[in-house]
Amino acid sequence: MIKINSKFIGTTAIITLLGLTTACSNTGQTRETDKNAITVAAAIAGAMAANALGVDNNAAKVAIGALSGYTARSVFDQATQETASDPDTDVQAVKIGNQEFVQINVKNVNFRSGSAELDPYELSRLTPVLNTLKQHLNTHVYVEGHTDSDGSNSYNQQLSDNRAKNIAFYLMDNGTPRNRIKTYGYGEERPIASNTTPEGKRENRRVTFLISEM
């Protein structure tokens, strides 16, 4: 089971509002309203959202050689097959505390500096994630947003939150039910490349996906 404590209250509010606002029709006006509402919720949550992923964030994310659960193994196998022809997508089995996840990192799908939007081509490269979620209905997906080191910590925290939430909207627009999606922004605290070069900064402006059994 996923461990939840009082530290998660802030993003629980955000996630709840994410579900409530998207119950409306998908007109452009409604979509903009939804995004604005979630931004407000993130601001209200403030520091309470520090560990909102819904797992024990004090536990390290550890790569593991094999998954024990049937669903996790099935997700891993499909994600691996979906991305077999794409060397820029990394599928990995990881464990956080006692919870197993399939982590999908679509490389070279990176945000522009200061932006929470991806262009249509970059979004199309998330198709393997969508297909995996459609085939495994008893799963949650955790969307993690990240930034480079430009800007203040508070700015980057909000930017990473918005990146994760915009990708969550994309998943919902393409058939993933809102109650299966959770979002979290890590700001600049989890780089995968050096922030001393433009290329390293570009690599760090990303989202990653963690898929687990419900």
N, C-alpha and C. Protein backbone atom coordinates (compact mmCIF):
# COMPACT_ATOMS: atom_id res chain seq x y z
N MET A 1 0.83 -1.20 0.00
CA MET A 1 0.00 0.00 0.00
C MET A 1 0.87 1.26 0.00
N ILE A 2 0.39 2.33 -0.62
CA ILE A 2 1.11 3.58 -0.63
C ILE A 2 0.95 4.26 0.72
N LYS A 3 2.05 4.71 1.29
CA LYS A 3 2.03 5.34 2.59
C LYS A 3 1.68 6.81 2.45
N ILE A 4 0.70 7.27 3.20
CA ILE A 4 0.26 8.66 3.13
C ILE A 4 0.30 9.24 4.53
N ASN A 5 0.81 10.47 4.68
CA ASN A 5 0.77 11.13 5.97
C ASN A 5 0.36 12.57 5.78
N SER A 6 0.42 13.36 6.85
CA SER A 6 -0.11 14.73 6.80
C SER A 6 0.66 15.62 5.84
N LYS A 7 1.89 15.26 5.51
CA LYS A 7 2.66 16.07 4.57
C LYS A 7 2.02 16.10 3.20
N PHE A 8 1.15 15.13 2.91
CA PHE A 8 0.59 15.01 1.56
C PHE A 8 -0.72 15.78 1.40
N ILE A 9 -1.17 16.47 2.43
CA ILE A 9 -2.48 17.11 2.38
C ILE A 9 -2.55 18.13 1.26
N GLY A 10 -1.46 18.92 1.07
CA GLY A 10 -1.49 19.97 0.08
C GLY A 10 -1.78 19.47 -1.31
N THR A 11 -1.03 18.46 -1.76
CA THR A 11 -1.25 17.99 -3.11
C THR A 11 -2.48 17.12 -3.21
N THR A 12 -2.91 16.52 -2.10
CA THR A 12 -4.19 15.83 -2.14
C THR A 12 -5.27 16.81 -2.57
N ALA A 13 -5.20 18.04 -2.05
CA ALA A 13 -6.16 19.06 -2.46
C ALA A 13 -6.03 19.37 -3.94
N ILE A 14 -4.79 19.47 -4.41
CA ILE A 14 -4.56 19.76 -5.82
C ILE A 14 -5.11 18.64 -6.69
N ILE A 15 -4.78 17.40 -6.31
CA ILE A 15 -5.23 16.25 -7.10
C ILE A 15 -6.74 16.16 -7.10
N THR A 16 -7.36 16.41 -5.94
CA THR A 16 -8.82 16.37 -5.86
C THR A 16 -9.42 17.40 -6.79
N LEU A 17 -8.87 18.61 -6.78
CA LEU A 17 -9.39 19.65 -7.65
C LEU A 17 -9.14 19.31 -9.10
N LEU A 18 -8.00 18.67 -9.38
CA LEU A 18 -7.73 18.20 -10.73
C LEU A 18 -8.85 17.31 -11.22
N GLY A 19 -9.30 16.39 -10.36
CA GLY A 19 -10.39 15.51 -10.74
C GLY A 19 -11.70 16.24 -10.88
N LEU A 20 -12.00 17.16 -9.96
CA LEU A 20 -13.29 17.83 -9.98
C LEU A 20 -13.44 18.76 -11.17
N THR A 21 -12.40 19.54 -11.48
CA THR A 21 -12.55 20.51 -12.55
C THR A 21 -12.65 19.85 -13.90
N THR A 22 -11.98 18.71 -14.08
CA THR A 22 -12.00 18.09 -15.40
C THR A 22 -13.26 17.28 -15.63
N ALA A 23 -14.20 17.27 -14.70
CA ALA A 23 -15.47 16.61 -14.93
C ALA A 23 -16.32 17.40 -15.91
N CYS A 24 -15.92 18.66 -16.17
CA CYS A 24 -16.66 19.51 -17.10
C CYS A 24 -16.35 19.09 -18.53
N SER A 25 -17.05 19.70 -19.49
CA SER A 25 -16.81 19.39 -20.90
C SER A 25 -15.47 19.94 -21.33
N ASN A 26 -14.88 19.37 -22.40
CA ASN A 26 -13.54 19.72 -22.82
C ASN A 26 -13.55 20.83 -23.86
N THR A 27 -14.27 21.91 -23.63
CA THR A 27 -14.17 23.07 -24.50
C THR A 27 -12.90 23.81 -24.15
N GLY A 28 -12.42 24.66 -25.08
CA GLY A 28 -11.23 25.43 -24.80
C GLY A 28 -11.39 26.30 -23.57
N GLN A 29 -12.58 26.92 -23.43
CA GLN A 29 -12.81 27.79 -22.29
C GLN A 29 -12.76 27.01 -21.00
N THR A 30 -13.40 25.84 -20.99
CA THR A 30 -13.40 25.03 -19.78
C THR A 30 -12.00 24.55 -19.45
N ARG A 31 -11.23 24.15 -20.45
CA ARG A 31 -9.88 23.68 -20.21
C ARG A 31 -9.04 24.77 -19.58
N GLU A 32 -9.18 26.02 -20.08
CA GLU A 32 -8.43 27.12 -19.50
C GLU A 32 -8.87 27.36 -18.06
N THR A 33 -10.17 27.25 -17.80
CA THR A 33 -10.67 27.40 -16.44
C THR A 33 -10.10 26.33 -15.54
N ASP A 34 -10.05 25.10 -16.04
CA ASP A 34 -9.49 24.00 -15.26
C ASP A 34 -8.05 24.30 -14.87
N LYS A 35 -7.25 24.74 -15.83
CA LYS A 35 -5.85 24.99 -15.56
C LYS A 35 -5.68 26.11 -14.54
N ASN A 36 -6.50 27.16 -14.68
CA ASN A 36 -6.42 28.25 -13.73
C ASN A 36 -6.79 27.79 -12.33
N ALA A 37 -7.82 26.95 -12.25
CA ALA A 37 -8.25 26.46 -10.94
C ALA A 37 -7.17 25.64 -10.28
N ILE A 38 -6.48 24.83 -11.04
CA ILE A 38 -5.43 24.00 -10.47
C ILE A 38 -4.25 24.86 -10.03
N THR A 39 -3.94 25.90 -10.80
CA THR A 39 -2.87 26.81 -10.40
C THR A 39 -3.20 27.47 -9.07
N VAL A 40 -4.45 27.87 -8.90
CA VAL A 40 -4.89 28.46 -7.63
C VAL A 40 -4.76 27.45 -6.51
N ALA A 41 -5.16 26.21 -6.77
CA ALA A 41 -5.06 25.17 -5.75
C ALA A 41 -3.62 24.95 -5.33
N ALA A 42 -2.71 24.99 -6.30
CA ALA A 42 -1.29 24.81 -5.98
C ALA A 42 -0.79 25.94 -5.09
N ALA A 43 -1.25 27.15 -5.38
CA ALA A 43 -0.82 28.28 -4.57
C ALA A 43 -1.36 28.17 -3.15
N ILE A 44 -2.61 27.74 -3.00
CA ILE A 44 -3.20 27.59 -1.67
C ILE A 44 -2.49 26.50 -0.89
N ALA A 45 -2.15 25.42 -1.58
CA ALA A 45 -1.50 24.30 -0.89
C ALA A 45 -0.14 24.72 -0.35
N GLY A 46 0.61 25.51 -1.12
CA GLY A 46 1.88 26.03 -0.66
C GLY A 46 2.83 24.97 -0.16
N ALA A 47 3.41 25.25 0.99
CA ALA A 47 4.43 24.35 1.54
C ALA A 47 3.86 23.01 1.93
N MET A 48 2.54 22.91 2.14
CA MET A 48 1.96 21.63 2.55
C MET A 48 2.13 20.58 1.47
N ALA A 49 2.40 21.00 0.24
CA ALA A 49 2.50 20.05 -0.87
C ALA A 49 3.89 19.47 -1.03
N ALA A 50 4.75 19.65 -0.05
CA ALA A 50 6.16 19.31 -0.19
C ALA A 50 6.40 17.86 -0.57
N ASN A 51 5.60 16.94 -0.06
CA ASN A 51 5.83 15.53 -0.35
C ASN A 51 4.60 14.89 -0.95
N ALA A 52 4.05 15.52 -1.99
CA ALA A 52 2.72 15.16 -2.44
C ALA A 52 2.65 13.99 -3.39
N LEU A 53 3.77 13.36 -3.70
CA LEU A 53 3.71 12.25 -4.65
C LEU A 53 2.79 11.15 -4.16
N GLY A 54 2.65 10.99 -2.86
CA GLY A 54 1.78 9.94 -2.34
C GLY A 54 2.54 8.71 -1.93
N VAL A 55 3.86 8.75 -2.04
CA VAL A 55 4.70 7.69 -1.50
C VAL A 55 5.65 8.35 -0.51
N ASP A 56 6.39 7.54 0.22
CA ASP A 56 7.32 8.06 1.20
C ASP A 56 8.50 8.70 0.48
N ASN A 57 8.51 10.03 0.38
CA ASN A 57 9.55 10.71 -0.36
C ASN A 57 10.90 10.68 0.33
N ASN A 58 10.93 10.27 1.60
CA ASN A 58 12.20 10.14 2.29
C ASN A 58 12.92 8.86 1.87
N ALA A 59 12.18 7.95 1.26
CA ALA A 59 12.78 6.70 0.79
C ALA A 59 13.40 6.93 -0.58
N ALA A 60 14.56 6.33 -0.79
CA ALA A 60 15.25 6.49 -2.06
C ALA A 60 14.55 5.72 -3.17
N LYS A 61 14.66 6.24 -4.39
CA LYS A 61 14.17 5.52 -5.57
C LYS A 61 15.28 4.58 -6.01
N VAL A 62 15.06 3.29 -5.86
CA VAL A 62 16.11 2.30 -6.08
C VAL A 62 15.76 1.45 -7.29
N ALA A 63 16.69 1.34 -8.23
CA ALA A 63 16.50 0.46 -9.38
C ALA A 63 16.57 -0.99 -8.92
N ILE A 64 15.67 -1.82 -9.44
CA ILE A 64 15.65 -3.23 -9.06
C ILE A 64 15.71 -4.09 -10.32
N GLY A 65 16.20 -5.31 -10.15
CA GLY A 65 16.40 -6.18 -11.30
C GLY A 65 15.13 -6.81 -11.81
N ALA A 66 14.15 -7.04 -10.93
CA ALA A 66 12.92 -7.72 -11.34
C ALA A 66 11.76 -7.22 -10.50
N LEU A 67 10.57 -7.27 -11.09
CA LEU A 67 9.35 -6.88 -10.40
C LEU A 67 8.63 -8.12 -9.92
N SER A 68 8.05 -8.05 -8.72
CA SER A 68 7.40 -9.24 -8.16
C SER A 68 5.93 -9.34 -8.53
N GLY A 69 5.24 -8.20 -8.71
CA GLY A 69 3.81 -8.21 -9.00
C GLY A 69 3.51 -8.50 -10.46
N TYR A 70 2.41 -9.24 -10.70
CA TYR A 70 2.03 -9.59 -12.08
C TYR A 70 1.76 -8.34 -12.90
N THR A 71 0.96 -7.40 -12.35
CA THR A 71 0.62 -6.19 -13.11
C THR A 71 1.86 -5.38 -13.41
N ALA A 72 2.73 -5.22 -12.43
CA ALA A 72 3.95 -4.45 -12.64
C ALA A 72 4.81 -5.08 -13.73
N ARG A 73 4.91 -6.40 -13.73
CA ARG A 73 5.69 -7.08 -14.77
C ARG A 73 5.06 -6.88 -16.14
N SER A 74 3.73 -6.95 -16.20
CA SER A 74 3.02 -6.76 -17.47
C SER A 74 3.21 -5.34 -18.00
N VAL A 75 3.12 -4.36 -17.10
CA VAL A 75 3.35 -2.96 -17.49
C VAL A 75 4.77 -2.79 -18.01
N PHE A 76 5.72 -3.35 -17.30
CA PHE A 76 7.12 -3.24 -17.71
C PHE A 76 7.34 -3.86 -19.08
N ASP A 77 6.78 -5.05 -19.30
CA ASP A 77 6.95 -5.74 -20.58
C ASP A 77 6.36 -4.93 -21.73
N GLN A 78 5.13 -4.39 -21.53
CA GLN A 78 4.52 -3.64 -22.61
C GLN A 78 5.27 -2.34 -22.88
N ALA A 79 5.63 -1.63 -21.81
CA ALA A 79 6.35 -0.38 -22.00
C ALA A 79 7.68 -0.62 -22.72
N THR A 80 8.33 -1.72 -22.39
CA THR A 80 9.59 -2.06 -23.06
C THR A 80 9.36 -2.34 -24.53
N GLN A 81 8.28 -3.08 -24.85
CA GLN A 81 7.96 -3.38 -26.25
C GLN A 81 7.57 -2.12 -27.01
N GLU A 82 6.78 -1.25 -26.36
CA GLU A 82 6.32 -0.02 -27.01
C GLU A 82 7.49 0.89 -27.38
N THR A 83 8.55 0.83 -26.60
CA THR A 83 9.67 1.75 -26.80
C THR A 83 10.91 1.07 -27.37
N ALA A 84 10.75 -0.18 -27.83
CA ALA A 84 11.91 -0.94 -28.30
C ALA A 84 12.64 -0.25 -29.45
N SER A 85 11.90 0.44 -30.29
CA SER A 85 12.52 1.10 -31.45
C SER A 85 12.96 2.53 -31.15
N ASP A 86 12.81 2.96 -29.90
CA ASP A 86 13.14 4.33 -29.53
C ASP A 86 14.27 4.33 -28.50
N PRO A 87 15.50 4.54 -28.94
CA PRO A 87 16.63 4.52 -28.00
C PRO A 87 16.60 5.67 -27.01
N ASP A 88 15.74 6.66 -27.26
CA ASP A 88 15.67 7.81 -26.37
C ASP A 88 14.62 7.66 -25.27
N THR A 89 14.07 6.47 -25.13
CA THR A 89 13.12 6.21 -24.04
C THR A 89 13.67 5.12 -23.14
N ASP A 90 13.69 5.42 -21.85
CA ASP A 90 14.26 4.51 -20.87
C ASP A 90 13.15 3.96 -19.98
N VAL A 91 13.03 2.64 -19.91
CA VAL A 91 12.05 1.98 -19.04
C VAL A 91 12.82 1.24 -17.96
N GLN A 92 12.44 1.48 -16.71
CA GLN A 92 13.21 0.92 -15.60
C GLN A 92 12.28 0.48 -14.48
N ALA A 93 12.60 -0.64 -13.86
CA ALA A 93 11.89 -1.09 -12.66
C ALA A 93 12.53 -0.44 -11.45
N VAL A 94 11.72 0.24 -10.63
CA VAL A 94 12.25 0.90 -9.44
C VAL A 94 11.38 0.59 -8.24
N LYS A 95 11.94 0.84 -7.07
CA LYS A 95 11.21 0.62 -5.83
C LYS A 95 11.40 1.84 -4.94
N ILE A 96 10.29 2.33 -4.38
CA ILE A 96 10.32 3.42 -3.42
C ILE A 96 9.70 2.89 -2.14
N GLY A 97 10.49 2.73 -1.11
CA GLY A 97 9.99 2.05 0.08
C GLY A 97 9.64 0.62 -0.28
N ASN A 98 8.40 0.22 -0.02
CA ASN A 98 7.95 -1.12 -0.36
C ASN A 98 7.14 -1.18 -1.65
N GLN A 99 6.99 -0.03 -2.33
CA GLN A 99 6.14 0.04 -3.52
C GLN A 99 6.96 -0.10 -4.79
N GLU A 100 6.51 -0.97 -5.70
CA GLU A 100 7.18 -1.15 -6.98
C GLU A 100 6.55 -0.25 -8.05
N PHE A 101 7.41 0.29 -8.91
CA PHE A 101 6.96 1.16 -9.99
C PHE A 101 7.69 0.81 -11.28
N VAL A 102 7.04 1.11 -12.38
CA VAL A 102 7.71 1.12 -13.68
C VAL A 102 7.95 2.58 -14.03
N GLN A 103 9.19 2.96 -14.15
CA GLN A 103 9.54 4.35 -14.47
C GLN A 103 9.81 4.47 -15.96
N ILE A 104 9.16 5.46 -16.59
CA ILE A 104 9.37 5.72 -18.01
C ILE A 104 9.91 7.14 -18.16
N ASN A 105 11.07 7.24 -18.74
CA ASN A 105 11.69 8.54 -19.00
C ASN A 105 11.87 8.70 -20.50
N VAL A 106 11.06 9.58 -21.10
CA VAL A 106 11.14 9.83 -22.54
C VAL A 106 12.15 10.95 -22.76
N LYS A 107 13.34 10.56 -23.15
CA LYS A 107 14.42 11.53 -23.33
C LYS A 107 14.15 12.38 -24.57
N ASN A 108 14.77 13.53 -24.60
CA ASN A 108 14.62 14.47 -25.71
C ASN A 108 13.18 14.96 -25.87
N VAL A 109 12.37 14.82 -24.83
CA VAL A 109 11.09 15.51 -24.75
C VAL A 109 11.26 16.51 -23.62
N ASN A 110 11.65 17.72 -24.01
CA ASN A 110 12.08 18.70 -23.02
C ASN A 110 11.37 20.03 -23.22
N PHE A 111 11.09 20.70 -22.12
CA PHE A 111 10.40 21.98 -22.14
C PHE A 111 11.39 23.10 -22.48
N ARG A 112 10.88 24.14 -23.11
CA ARG A 112 11.68 25.34 -23.28
C ARG A 112 11.84 26.04 -21.94
N SER A 113 12.89 26.81 -21.80
CA SER A 113 13.16 27.49 -20.54
C SER A 113 11.98 28.37 -20.13
N GLY A 114 11.51 28.19 -18.91
CA GLY A 114 10.42 29.00 -18.39
C GLY A 114 9.04 28.59 -18.87
N SER A 115 8.93 27.53 -19.67
CA SER A 115 7.65 27.12 -20.25
C SER A 115 7.16 25.83 -19.63
N ALA A 116 5.84 25.70 -19.54
CA ALA A 116 5.21 24.46 -19.07
C ALA A 116 4.50 23.74 -20.21
N GLU A 117 4.76 24.15 -21.46
CA GLU A 117 4.10 23.57 -22.62
C GLU A 117 5.08 22.77 -23.47
N LEU A 118 4.59 21.68 -24.06
CA LEU A 118 5.35 20.92 -25.05
C LEU A 118 4.70 21.10 -26.41
N ASP A 119 5.50 21.06 -27.48
CA ASP A 119 4.91 21.19 -28.81
C ASP A 119 4.27 19.86 -29.22
N PRO A 120 3.42 19.87 -30.26
CA PRO A 120 2.68 18.65 -30.64
C PRO A 120 3.58 17.46 -30.94
N TYR A 121 4.73 17.69 -31.57
CA TYR A 121 5.61 16.56 -31.87
C TYR A 121 6.12 15.92 -30.59
N GLU A 122 6.53 16.73 -29.64
CA GLU A 122 7.03 16.18 -28.39
C GLU A 122 5.93 15.42 -27.65
N LEU A 123 4.71 15.97 -27.66
CA LEU A 123 3.60 15.27 -27.02
C LEU A 123 3.33 13.93 -27.70
N SER A 124 3.49 13.88 -29.02
CA SER A 124 3.23 12.63 -29.73
C SER A 124 4.19 11.53 -29.30
N ARG A 125 5.34 11.89 -28.79
CA ARG A 125 6.31 10.89 -28.36
C ARG A 125 5.93 10.25 -27.02
N LEU A 126 4.87 10.76 -26.41
CA LEU A 126 4.37 10.15 -25.17
C LEU A 126 3.37 9.03 -25.46
N THR A 127 3.15 8.70 -26.73
CA THR A 127 2.20 7.65 -27.10
C THR A 127 2.47 6.32 -26.40
N PRO A 128 3.72 5.87 -26.24
CA PRO A 128 3.95 4.62 -25.51
C PRO A 128 3.41 4.64 -24.09
N VAL A 129 3.48 5.79 -23.44
CA VAL A 129 2.92 5.92 -22.09
C VAL A 129 1.41 5.77 -22.15
N LEU A 130 0.78 6.47 -23.10
CA LEU A 130 -0.68 6.39 -23.26
C LEU A 130 -1.12 4.96 -23.54
N ASN A 131 -0.44 4.29 -24.45
CA ASN A 131 -0.82 2.92 -24.80
C ASN A 131 -0.68 1.97 -23.62
N THR A 132 0.37 2.13 -22.86
CA THR A 132 0.57 1.28 -21.69
C THR A 132 -0.54 1.49 -20.67
N LEU A 133 -0.93 2.74 -20.45
CA LEU A 133 -2.00 3.04 -19.49
C LEU A 133 -3.35 2.50 -19.98
N LYS A 134 -3.58 2.57 -21.28
CA LYS A 134 -4.85 2.07 -21.83
C LYS A 134 -4.97 0.56 -21.69
N GLN A 135 -3.86 -0.14 -21.73
CA GLN A 135 -3.89 -1.60 -21.64
C GLN A 135 -3.87 -2.10 -20.20
N HIS A 136 -3.59 -1.23 -19.26
CA HIS A 136 -3.51 -1.64 -17.85
C HIS A 136 -4.37 -0.67 -17.02
N LEU A 137 -5.64 -0.99 -16.95
CA LEU A 137 -6.62 -0.07 -16.35
C LEU A 137 -6.54 -0.03 -14.83
N ASN A 138 -5.90 -1.02 -14.22
CA ASN A 138 -5.82 -1.06 -12.76
C ASN A 138 -4.50 -0.48 -12.26
N THR A 139 -4.08 0.62 -12.90
CA THR A 139 -2.83 1.26 -12.52
C THR A 139 -3.02 2.74 -12.25
N HIS A 140 -2.13 3.29 -11.44
CA HIS A 140 -1.98 4.73 -11.26
C HIS A 140 -0.76 5.18 -12.05
N VAL A 141 -0.77 6.44 -12.48
CA VAL A 141 0.42 7.02 -13.07
C VAL A 141 0.75 8.30 -12.30
N TYR A 142 1.99 8.40 -11.89
CA TYR A 142 2.49 9.58 -11.20
C TYR A 142 3.34 10.36 -12.19
N VAL A 143 2.94 11.61 -12.45
CA VAL A 143 3.66 12.46 -13.40
C VAL A 143 4.54 13.41 -12.59
N GLU A 144 5.84 13.32 -12.81
CA GLU A 144 6.80 14.14 -12.08
C GLU A 144 7.36 15.23 -12.99
N GLY A 145 7.23 16.49 -12.56
CA GLY A 145 7.79 17.60 -13.32
C GLY A 145 9.12 18.05 -12.75
N HIS A 146 10.02 18.49 -13.65
CA HIS A 146 11.37 18.91 -13.24
C HIS A 146 11.77 20.18 -13.99
N THR A 147 12.73 20.90 -13.44
CA THR A 147 13.25 22.12 -14.07
C THR A 147 14.78 22.10 -14.05
N ASP A 148 15.36 23.10 -14.74
CA ASP A 148 16.79 23.33 -14.58
C ASP A 148 16.99 24.27 -13.39
N SER A 149 18.19 24.80 -13.23
CA SER A 149 18.49 25.60 -12.04
C SER A 149 18.27 27.09 -12.24
N ASP A 150 17.84 27.52 -13.43
CA ASP A 150 17.58 28.94 -13.66
C ASP A 150 16.36 29.37 -12.86
N GLY A 151 16.44 30.54 -12.22
CA GLY A 151 15.30 31.03 -11.45
C GLY A 151 15.39 30.63 -9.98
N SER A 152 14.47 31.18 -9.20
CA SER A 152 14.45 30.90 -7.76
C SER A 152 13.87 29.53 -7.47
N ASN A 153 14.11 29.04 -6.27
CA ASN A 153 13.55 27.74 -5.88
C ASN A 153 12.03 27.75 -5.95
N SER A 154 11.41 28.84 -5.48
CA SER A 154 9.94 28.90 -5.46
C SER A 154 9.39 28.96 -6.89
N TYR A 155 10.05 29.71 -7.76
CA TYR A 155 9.62 29.78 -9.16
C TYR A 155 9.71 28.41 -9.82
N ASN A 156 10.83 27.73 -9.61
CA ASN A 156 11.02 26.43 -10.23
C ASN A 156 10.07 25.38 -9.66
N GLN A 157 9.73 25.50 -8.38
CA GLN A 157 8.76 24.58 -7.81
C GLN A 157 7.41 24.73 -8.50
N GLN A 158 6.96 25.97 -8.67
CA GLN A 158 5.68 26.21 -9.34
C GLN A 158 5.73 25.77 -10.80
N LEU A 159 6.85 26.05 -11.46
CA LEU A 159 7.00 25.68 -12.87
C LEU A 159 6.95 24.16 -13.03
N SER A 160 7.63 23.44 -12.15
CA SER A 160 7.61 21.97 -12.25
C SER A 160 6.22 21.42 -11.96
N ASP A 161 5.50 22.03 -11.01
CA ASP A 161 4.11 21.64 -10.75
C ASP A 161 3.28 21.81 -12.02
N ASN A 162 3.43 22.96 -12.67
CA ASN A 162 2.63 23.25 -13.87
C ASN A 162 2.99 22.31 -15.02
N ARG A 163 4.25 21.96 -15.14
CA ARG A 163 4.65 21.01 -16.19
C ARG A 163 3.97 19.66 -15.96
N ALA A 164 4.01 19.19 -14.72
CA ALA A 164 3.38 17.90 -14.42
C ALA A 164 1.88 17.97 -14.67
N LYS A 165 1.24 19.05 -14.27
CA LYS A 165 -0.22 19.15 -14.43
C LYS A 165 -0.62 19.27 -15.90
N ASN A 166 0.16 20.00 -16.70
CA ASN A 166 -0.16 20.09 -18.12
C ASN A 166 -0.07 18.73 -18.80
N ILE A 167 0.91 17.93 -18.42
CA ILE A 167 1.01 16.58 -18.98
C ILE A 167 -0.14 15.72 -18.48
N ALA A 168 -0.57 15.94 -17.24
CA ALA A 168 -1.75 15.22 -16.73
C ALA A 168 -2.98 15.54 -17.56
N PHE A 169 -3.16 16.80 -17.94
CA PHE A 169 -4.28 17.17 -18.81
C PHE A 169 -4.17 16.46 -20.15
N TYR A 170 -2.96 16.36 -20.68
CA TYR A 170 -2.77 15.66 -21.96
C TYR A 170 -3.17 14.19 -21.83
N LEU A 171 -2.78 13.55 -20.75
CA LEU A 171 -3.18 12.15 -20.54
C LEU A 171 -4.69 12.03 -20.45
N MET A 172 -5.34 12.95 -19.74
CA MET A 172 -6.80 12.90 -19.62
C MET A 172 -7.48 13.15 -20.95
N ASP A 173 -6.96 14.10 -21.72
CA ASP A 173 -7.53 14.39 -23.03
C ASP A 173 -7.41 13.20 -23.97
N ASN A 174 -6.50 12.29 -23.67
CA ASN A 174 -6.28 11.12 -24.51
C ASN A 174 -6.70 9.82 -23.84
N GLY A 175 -7.65 9.92 -22.92
CA GLY A 175 -8.33 8.73 -22.46
C GLY A 175 -7.97 8.17 -21.10
N THR A 176 -7.00 8.75 -20.41
CA THR A 176 -6.67 8.26 -19.08
C THR A 176 -7.56 8.94 -18.05
N PRO A 177 -8.37 8.19 -17.29
CA PRO A 177 -9.27 8.81 -16.31
C PRO A 177 -8.51 9.64 -15.28
N ARG A 178 -9.11 10.74 -14.88
CA ARG A 178 -8.46 11.66 -13.95
C ARG A 178 -8.12 11.01 -12.61
N ASN A 179 -8.94 10.03 -12.18
CA ASN A 179 -8.69 9.44 -10.86
C ASN A 179 -7.51 8.48 -10.85
N ARG A 180 -6.90 8.26 -12.00
CA ARG A 180 -5.71 7.41 -12.07
C ARG A 180 -4.41 8.22 -12.10
N ILE A 181 -4.53 9.54 -12.14
CA ILE A 181 -3.36 10.39 -12.34
C ILE A 181 -3.05 11.20 -11.08
N LYS A 182 -1.80 11.22 -10.70
CA LYS A 182 -1.33 12.09 -9.63
C LYS A 182 -0.11 12.86 -10.15
N THR A 183 0.05 14.09 -9.69
CA THR A 183 1.14 14.92 -10.18
C THR A 183 2.00 15.40 -9.02
N TYR A 184 3.27 15.64 -9.35
CA TYR A 184 4.17 16.23 -8.35
C TYR A 184 5.29 16.96 -9.06
N GLY A 185 5.64 18.13 -8.55
CA GLY A 185 6.77 18.89 -9.08
C GLY A 185 7.95 18.83 -8.14
N TYR A 186 9.11 18.53 -8.68
CA TYR A 186 10.33 18.46 -7.89
C TYR A 186 11.19 19.71 -8.02
N GLY A 187 10.75 20.70 -8.79
CA GLY A 187 11.58 21.87 -8.99
C GLY A 187 12.90 21.48 -9.63
N GLU A 188 13.98 22.04 -9.09
CA GLU A 188 15.32 21.78 -9.64
C GLU A 188 16.08 20.74 -8.84
N GLU A 189 15.43 20.07 -7.89
CA GLU A 189 16.17 19.26 -6.92
C GLU A 189 16.60 17.88 -7.43
N ARG A 190 16.13 17.44 -8.60
CA ARG A 190 16.51 16.11 -9.10
C ARG A 190 17.03 16.17 -10.53
N PRO A 191 18.15 16.85 -10.75
CA PRO A 191 18.71 16.92 -12.11
C PRO A 191 19.27 15.58 -12.56
N ILE A 192 19.24 15.35 -13.86
CA ILE A 192 19.86 14.15 -14.44
C ILE A 192 21.09 14.52 -15.26
N ALA A 193 21.35 15.83 -15.36
CA ALA A 193 22.51 16.32 -16.10
C ALA A 193 23.02 17.58 -15.42
N SER A 194 24.20 18.02 -15.80
CA SER A 194 24.79 19.20 -15.20
C SER A 194 24.03 20.46 -15.63
N ASN A 195 23.78 21.35 -14.67
CA ASN A 195 23.14 22.62 -14.98
C ASN A 195 24.15 23.70 -15.36
N THR A 196 25.39 23.31 -15.60
CA THR A 196 26.41 24.28 -15.98
C THR A 196 26.51 24.47 -17.48
N THR A 197 25.77 23.66 -18.25
CA THR A 197 25.79 23.79 -19.71
C THR A 197 24.37 23.91 -20.24
N PRO A 198 24.18 24.57 -21.39
CA PRO A 198 22.84 24.67 -21.99
C PRO A 198 22.22 23.31 -22.26
N GLU A 199 23.02 22.35 -22.74
CA GLU A 199 22.50 21.03 -23.05
C GLU A 199 22.05 20.31 -21.78
N GLY A 200 22.84 20.44 -20.71
CA GLY A 200 22.45 19.82 -19.45
C GLY A 200 21.17 20.41 -18.92
N LYS A 201 21.02 21.72 -19.00
CA LYS A 201 19.79 22.37 -18.55
C LYS A 201 18.59 21.89 -19.35
N ARG A 202 18.78 21.74 -20.67
CA ARG A 202 17.68 21.26 -21.52
C ARG A 202 17.24 19.87 -21.07
N GLU A 203 18.18 18.99 -20.79
CA GLU A 203 17.83 17.63 -20.36
C GLU A 203 17.06 17.64 -19.05
N ASN A 204 17.33 18.60 -18.20
CA ASN A 204 16.68 18.63 -16.88
C ASN A 204 15.26 19.19 -16.94
N ARG A 205 14.89 19.87 -18.02
CA ARG A 205 13.54 20.42 -18.16
C ARG A 205 12.63 19.34 -18.73
N ARG A 206 12.10 18.48 -17.86
CA ARG A 206 11.49 17.24 -18.33
C ARG A 206 10.35 16.81 -17.42
N VAL A 207 9.65 15.76 -17.84
CA VAL A 207 8.74 15.02 -16.96
C VAL A 207 9.14 13.55 -16.99
N THR A 208 8.88 12.85 -15.90
CA THR A 208 9.05 11.40 -15.85
C THR A 208 7.74 10.79 -15.38
N PHE A 209 7.56 9.51 -15.67
CA PHE A 209 6.33 8.81 -15.33
C PHE A 209 6.65 7.61 -14.46
N LEU A 210 5.86 7.44 -13.40
CA LEU A 210 5.93 6.25 -12.56
C LEU A 210 4.57 5.57 -12.60
N ILE A 211 4.53 4.32 -12.99
CA ILE A 211 3.27 3.57 -13.09
C ILE A 211 3.28 2.48 -12.04
N SER A 212 2.19 2.39 -11.27
CA SER A 212 2.10 1.36 -10.23
C SER A 212 0.70 0.75 -10.24
N GLU A 213 0.60 -0.41 -9.64
CA GLU A 213 -0.70 -1.05 -9.48
C GLU A 213 -1.53 -0.28 -8.47
N MET A 214 -2.84 -0.20 -8.72
CA MET A 214 -3.73 0.47 -7.77
C MET A 214 -3.77 -0.26 -6.44
